Amino acid sequence: MSVCSKNTKSKKQIKKKTEPKKLKEQDVEVLLEGDEEKATKSATIDPMAIPDYFNNIRNNYFVANRVIWLTDDIEWPIITEVMQKLSFADDDTMDPVWIYIGSCGGLCDAGMALVDMIEKIKKKGIVVNTVCVGSCSSMAAVILASGTPGHRYAFPSSRIMIHQARVMMAGGSYDEMQNEANELLYWTEEIEKVFVRCSGKTQKEIKQAMSYDNYMSAKDAKKFGLVDKIDVVIP
């Protein structure tokens, strides 16, 4: 009996020694703000005890430096998230914004909504840096070109592709197809306006360049006026 009692007590002692010290509420708040050194002064911290600890540290860095990643299809969920983050940049600090883009394109209305917001922020004097990572095709190329002149970058290995607006349509009535054609024409002309404004080229030149899937290297895109610098930039 005494042996069992001793073993039980030993197990409790071992468990007590190995349990991490509980964090105080203020320590958790400090950690979420990214100040680990300050928090360690009052407690022994086990980072794994905090949900998404490393994600919080990383995301806080991006938020503090106004870095936004757009690396998915241009759809409303991700564009809404990007626009929400951009709204925080619209303040009195006037600090620059960085948008890293790697996307094959997507919805015209979602992409143009983001372009409109970028234009508004630029008019207030806030520099919007756009950076192509990997590839920017279709609507992603439009967003890339809409950055502040002189602050549009492409990684050396980047590929940029521009073309007319398009839709995948299996069939339909004449009126339905005509309606789709009118919508495609509208968005194609809106995209042309952005490229004319951002590249300095004429509408005729832009229209010709967009008449097919026009793939460009980083150097070609710089020559065309879609980006200003070829470099791996880190804010």
Protein backbone atom coordinates (compact mmCIF):
# COMPACT_ATOMS: atom_id res chain seq x y z
CA MET A 1 0.00 0.00 0.00
CA SER A 2 2.77 2.40 0.89
CA VAL A 3 4.52 1.67 -2.41
CA CYS A 4 1.41 2.51 -4.41
CA SER A 5 0.89 5.66 -2.41
CA LYS A 6 4.49 6.70 -3.02
CA ASN A 7 4.25 6.06 -6.76
CA THR A 8 1.02 8.05 -6.95
CA LYS A 9 2.59 10.95 -5.17
CA SER A 10 5.64 10.77 -7.46
CA LYS A 11 3.44 10.93 -10.54
CA LYS A 12 1.68 14.00 -9.20
CA GLN A 13 5.00 15.70 -8.51
CA ILE A 14 6.25 14.93 -12.02
CA LYS A 15 3.06 16.25 -13.54
CA LYS A 16 3.30 19.40 -11.49
CA LYS A 17 6.87 20.02 -12.61
CA THR A 18 6.14 19.54 -16.31
CA GLU A 19 3.01 21.72 -16.47
CA PRO A 20 3.74 25.12 -18.08
CA LYS A 21 3.11 28.14 -15.97
CA LYS A 22 -0.24 29.70 -16.69
CA LEU A 23 -0.23 33.05 -18.43
CA LYS A 24 -1.85 36.06 -16.93
CA GLU A 25 -4.45 37.87 -19.02
CA GLN A 26 -2.17 40.88 -19.50
CA ASP A 27 0.64 38.61 -20.74
CA VAL A 28 -1.59 37.20 -23.45
CA GLU A 29 -2.53 40.72 -24.54
CA VAL A 30 1.14 41.73 -24.67
CA LEU A 31 2.01 38.67 -26.76
CA LEU A 32 -0.76 39.35 -29.22
CA GLU A 33 0.73 42.82 -29.62
CA GLY A 34 4.06 41.18 -30.51
CA ASP A 35 6.04 42.21 -27.39
CA GLU A 36 7.27 38.86 -26.10
CA GLU A 37 10.17 40.31 -24.11
CA LYS A 38 7.88 42.45 -22.00
CA ALA A 39 5.59 39.53 -21.26
CA THR A 40 8.40 37.21 -20.14
CA LYS A 41 9.23 39.56 -17.29
CA SER A 42 6.17 38.41 -15.36
CA ALA A 43 5.71 34.81 -16.53
CA THR A 44 7.41 31.82 -18.07
CA ILE A 45 5.74 31.67 -21.47
CA ASP A 46 4.94 28.61 -23.49
CA PRO A 47 4.11 30.04 -26.97
CA MET A 48 2.20 26.88 -27.84
CA ALA A 49 -0.27 27.72 -25.05
CA ILE A 50 -1.54 30.68 -27.09
CA PRO A 51 -3.78 29.86 -30.06
CA ASP A 52 -2.19 30.87 -33.40
CA TYR A 53 0.77 32.45 -31.56
CA PHE A 54 3.16 32.45 -34.52
CA ASN A 55 0.44 33.48 -36.96
CA ASN A 56 -0.37 36.45 -34.72
CA ILE A 57 3.28 37.53 -34.63
CA ARG A 58 3.61 37.23 -38.41
CA ASN A 59 0.30 38.95 -39.15
CA ASN A 60 1.08 41.77 -36.74
CA TYR A 61 4.31 42.38 -38.66
CA PHE A 62 2.39 42.64 -41.92
CA VAL A 63 -0.23 44.93 -40.38
CA ALA A 64 2.42 47.17 -38.80
CA ASN A 65 4.25 47.50 -42.12
CA ARG A 66 1.04 47.78 -44.19
CA VAL A 67 1.84 44.68 -46.23
CA ILE A 68 -1.06 42.99 -48.03
CA TRP A 69 -0.87 39.68 -49.89
CA LEU A 70 -3.15 39.02 -52.85
CA THR A 71 -2.19 35.51 -53.92
CA ASP A 72 -5.40 33.88 -55.02
CA ASP A 73 -8.04 34.18 -57.71
CA ILE A 74 -9.59 37.64 -57.90
CA GLU A 75 -12.86 36.76 -56.19
CA TRP A 76 -15.02 38.80 -53.84
CA PRO A 77 -13.99 37.10 -50.56
CA ILE A 78 -10.27 37.86 -50.95
CA ILE A 79 -10.88 41.28 -52.53
CA THR A 80 -13.15 42.21 -49.62
CA GLU A 81 -10.37 41.21 -47.21
CA VAL A 82 -7.81 43.28 -49.13
CA MET A 83 -10.12 46.30 -49.21
CA GLN A 84 -10.73 46.03 -45.48
CA LYS A 85 -6.98 46.10 -44.87
CA LEU A 86 -6.60 49.05 -47.24
CA SER A 87 -9.22 50.98 -45.29
CA PHE A 88 -6.89 50.92 -42.26
CA ALA A 89 -4.18 52.52 -44.39
CA ASP A 90 -6.44 55.47 -45.14
CA ASP A 91 -5.34 57.49 -42.10
CA ASP A 92 -3.24 60.50 -41.16
CA THR A 93 0.10 58.67 -40.98
CA MET A 94 0.51 58.67 -44.78
CA ASP A 95 2.72 55.59 -44.53
CA PRO A 96 3.11 53.63 -47.80
CA VAL A 97 1.16 50.46 -48.55
CA TRP A 98 2.60 47.30 -50.09
CA ILE A 99 0.42 44.92 -52.12
CA TYR A 100 2.14 41.69 -53.19
CA ILE A 101 0.22 40.15 -56.09
CA GLY A 102 0.44 36.64 -57.51
CA SER A 103 -2.76 35.66 -59.28
CA CYS A 104 -4.10 34.27 -62.54
CA GLY A 105 -6.93 36.83 -62.52
CA GLY A 106 -10.64 36.56 -61.87
CA LEU A 107 -13.77 38.69 -61.66
CA CYS A 108 -13.74 42.07 -63.42
CA ASP A 109 -16.12 43.77 -61.00
CA ALA A 110 -14.17 42.65 -57.92
CA GLY A 111 -10.82 43.63 -59.41
CA MET A 112 -12.03 47.04 -60.59
CA ALA A 113 -13.52 47.74 -57.16
CA LEU A 114 -10.04 47.30 -55.69
CA VAL A 115 -8.54 49.50 -58.42
CA ASP A 116 -11.07 52.23 -57.54
CA MET A 117 -10.05 52.06 -53.88
CA ILE A 118 -6.36 52.18 -54.76
CA GLU A 119 -6.98 55.29 -56.86
CA LYS A 120 -8.76 56.99 -53.98
CA ILE A 121 -5.89 56.27 -51.58
CA LYS A 122 -3.32 57.48 -54.12
CA LYS A 123 -5.17 60.80 -54.52
CA LYS A 124 -4.73 61.38 -50.78
CA GLY A 125 -0.97 61.17 -51.22
CA ILE A 126 -0.46 57.66 -49.87
CA VAL A 127 2.03 55.64 -51.90
CA VAL A 128 0.67 52.28 -53.00
CA ASN A 129 3.48 49.90 -53.90
CA THR A 130 2.39 46.98 -56.07
CA VAL A 131 4.68 43.97 -56.48
CA CYS A 132 4.28 41.08 -58.93
CA VAL A 133 5.42 37.79 -57.42
CA GLY A 134 5.35 34.80 -59.75
CA SER A 135 2.75 35.93 -62.24
CA CYS A 136 0.01 38.51 -62.66
CA SER A 137 -2.49 37.65 -65.36
CA SER A 138 -5.69 39.25 -66.57
CA MET A 139 -7.31 41.32 -63.78
CA ALA A 140 -4.27 40.81 -61.52
CA ALA A 141 -2.19 42.70 -64.11
CA VAL A 142 -4.67 45.58 -63.97
CA ILE A 143 -4.28 45.82 -60.19
CA LEU A 144 -0.50 45.64 -60.54
CA ALA A 145 -0.44 48.51 -63.03
CA SER A 146 -2.69 50.67 -60.86
CA GLY A 147 -0.02 51.20 -58.20
CA THR A 148 1.67 54.54 -57.66
CA PRO A 149 3.90 55.46 -60.66
CA GLY A 150 7.51 54.72 -59.79
CA HIS A 151 6.45 52.21 -57.15
CA ARG A 152 5.30 49.26 -59.28
CA TYR A 153 7.66 46.29 -59.06
CA ALA A 154 8.10 42.86 -60.58
CA PHE A 155 10.31 40.04 -59.39
CA PRO A 156 12.93 39.17 -62.05
CA SER A 157 11.25 35.86 -62.90
CA SER A 158 7.74 37.31 -63.05
CA ARG A 159 5.29 36.89 -65.91
CA ILE A 160 2.56 39.40 -66.70
CA MET A 161 -0.34 38.74 -69.05
CA ILE A 162 -3.02 41.12 -70.35
CA HIS A 163 -6.05 40.42 -72.52
CA GLN A 164 -9.66 41.41 -73.09
CA ALA A 165 -12.40 40.56 -70.61
CA ARG A 166 -13.86 37.14 -71.24
CA VAL A 167 -16.53 34.77 -70.02
CA MET A 168 -17.02 31.00 -70.22
CA MET A 169 -20.44 30.52 -71.81
CA ALA A 170 -21.67 27.15 -73.03
CA GLY A 171 -24.65 28.53 -74.89
CA GLY A 172 -27.91 30.43 -74.65
CA SER A 173 -30.35 32.46 -76.65
CA TYR A 174 -29.30 35.21 -79.03
CA ASP A 175 -30.44 37.91 -76.59
CA GLU A 176 -28.56 36.28 -73.73
CA MET A 177 -25.37 36.05 -75.75
CA GLN A 178 -25.76 39.62 -76.96
CA ASN A 179 -26.18 40.78 -73.39
CA GLU A 180 -23.00 38.93 -72.37
CA ALA A 181 -21.16 40.47 -75.33
CA ASN A 182 -22.22 43.95 -74.23
CA GLU A 183 -21.03 43.26 -70.71
CA LEU A 184 -17.67 41.99 -71.98
CA LEU A 185 -17.29 45.09 -74.13
CA TYR A 186 -17.99 47.32 -71.11
CA TRP A 187 -15.38 45.68 -68.90
CA THR A 188 -12.83 45.50 -71.70
CA GLU A 189 -13.17 49.26 -72.25
CA GLU A 190 -12.86 49.92 -68.49
CA ILE A 191 -9.66 47.88 -68.36
CA GLU A 192 -8.32 49.72 -71.41
CA LYS A 193 -8.86 53.03 -69.59
CA VAL A 194 -6.79 51.83 -66.62
CA PHE A 195 -3.92 50.68 -68.84
CA VAL A 196 -4.00 53.94 -70.85
CA ARG A 197 -3.84 55.92 -67.61
CA CYS A 198 -1.13 53.78 -66.01
CA SER A 199 1.12 52.97 -68.99
CA GLY A 200 1.08 56.23 -70.93
CA LYS A 201 0.20 54.41 -74.13
CA THR A 202 -2.64 55.33 -76.47
CA GLN A 203 -5.97 53.53 -76.46
CA LYS A 204 -5.19 52.15 -79.90
CA GLU A 205 -1.93 50.64 -78.64
CA ILE A 206 -3.64 49.17 -75.59
CA LYS A 207 -6.50 47.76 -77.64
CA GLN A 208 -4.04 46.04 -79.96
CA ALA A 209 -1.97 44.67 -77.07
CA MET A 210 -5.09 43.25 -75.40
CA SER A 211 -6.48 41.56 -78.51
CA TYR A 212 -4.85 38.26 -77.50
CA ASP A 213 -3.28 36.59 -74.45
CA ASN A 214 -0.28 38.89 -74.33
CA TYR A 215 2.39 37.35 -72.09
CA MET A 216 5.31 39.53 -71.01
CA SER A 217 8.50 39.04 -69.06
CA ALA A 218 9.36 41.48 -66.29
CA LYS A 219 11.52 43.41 -68.75
CA ASP A 220 8.76 43.48 -71.37
CA ALA A 221 6.23 44.67 -68.79
CA LYS A 222 8.59 47.45 -67.72
CA LYS A 223 9.08 48.52 -71.33
CA PHE A 224 5.33 48.45 -71.88
CA GLY A 225 4.73 50.63 -68.81
CA LEU A 226 2.98 48.18 -66.51
CA VAL A 227 5.79 48.18 -63.92
CA ASP A 228 8.60 50.60 -63.10
CA LYS A 229 11.30 48.47 -61.48
CA ILE A 230 12.49 44.88 -61.56
CA ASP A 231 13.61 43.83 -58.11
CA VAL A 232 12.90 41.61 -55.11
CA VAL A 233 11.59 44.20 -52.69
CA ILE A 234 10.91 43.63 -48.99
CA PRO A 235 9.39 46.47 -46.91
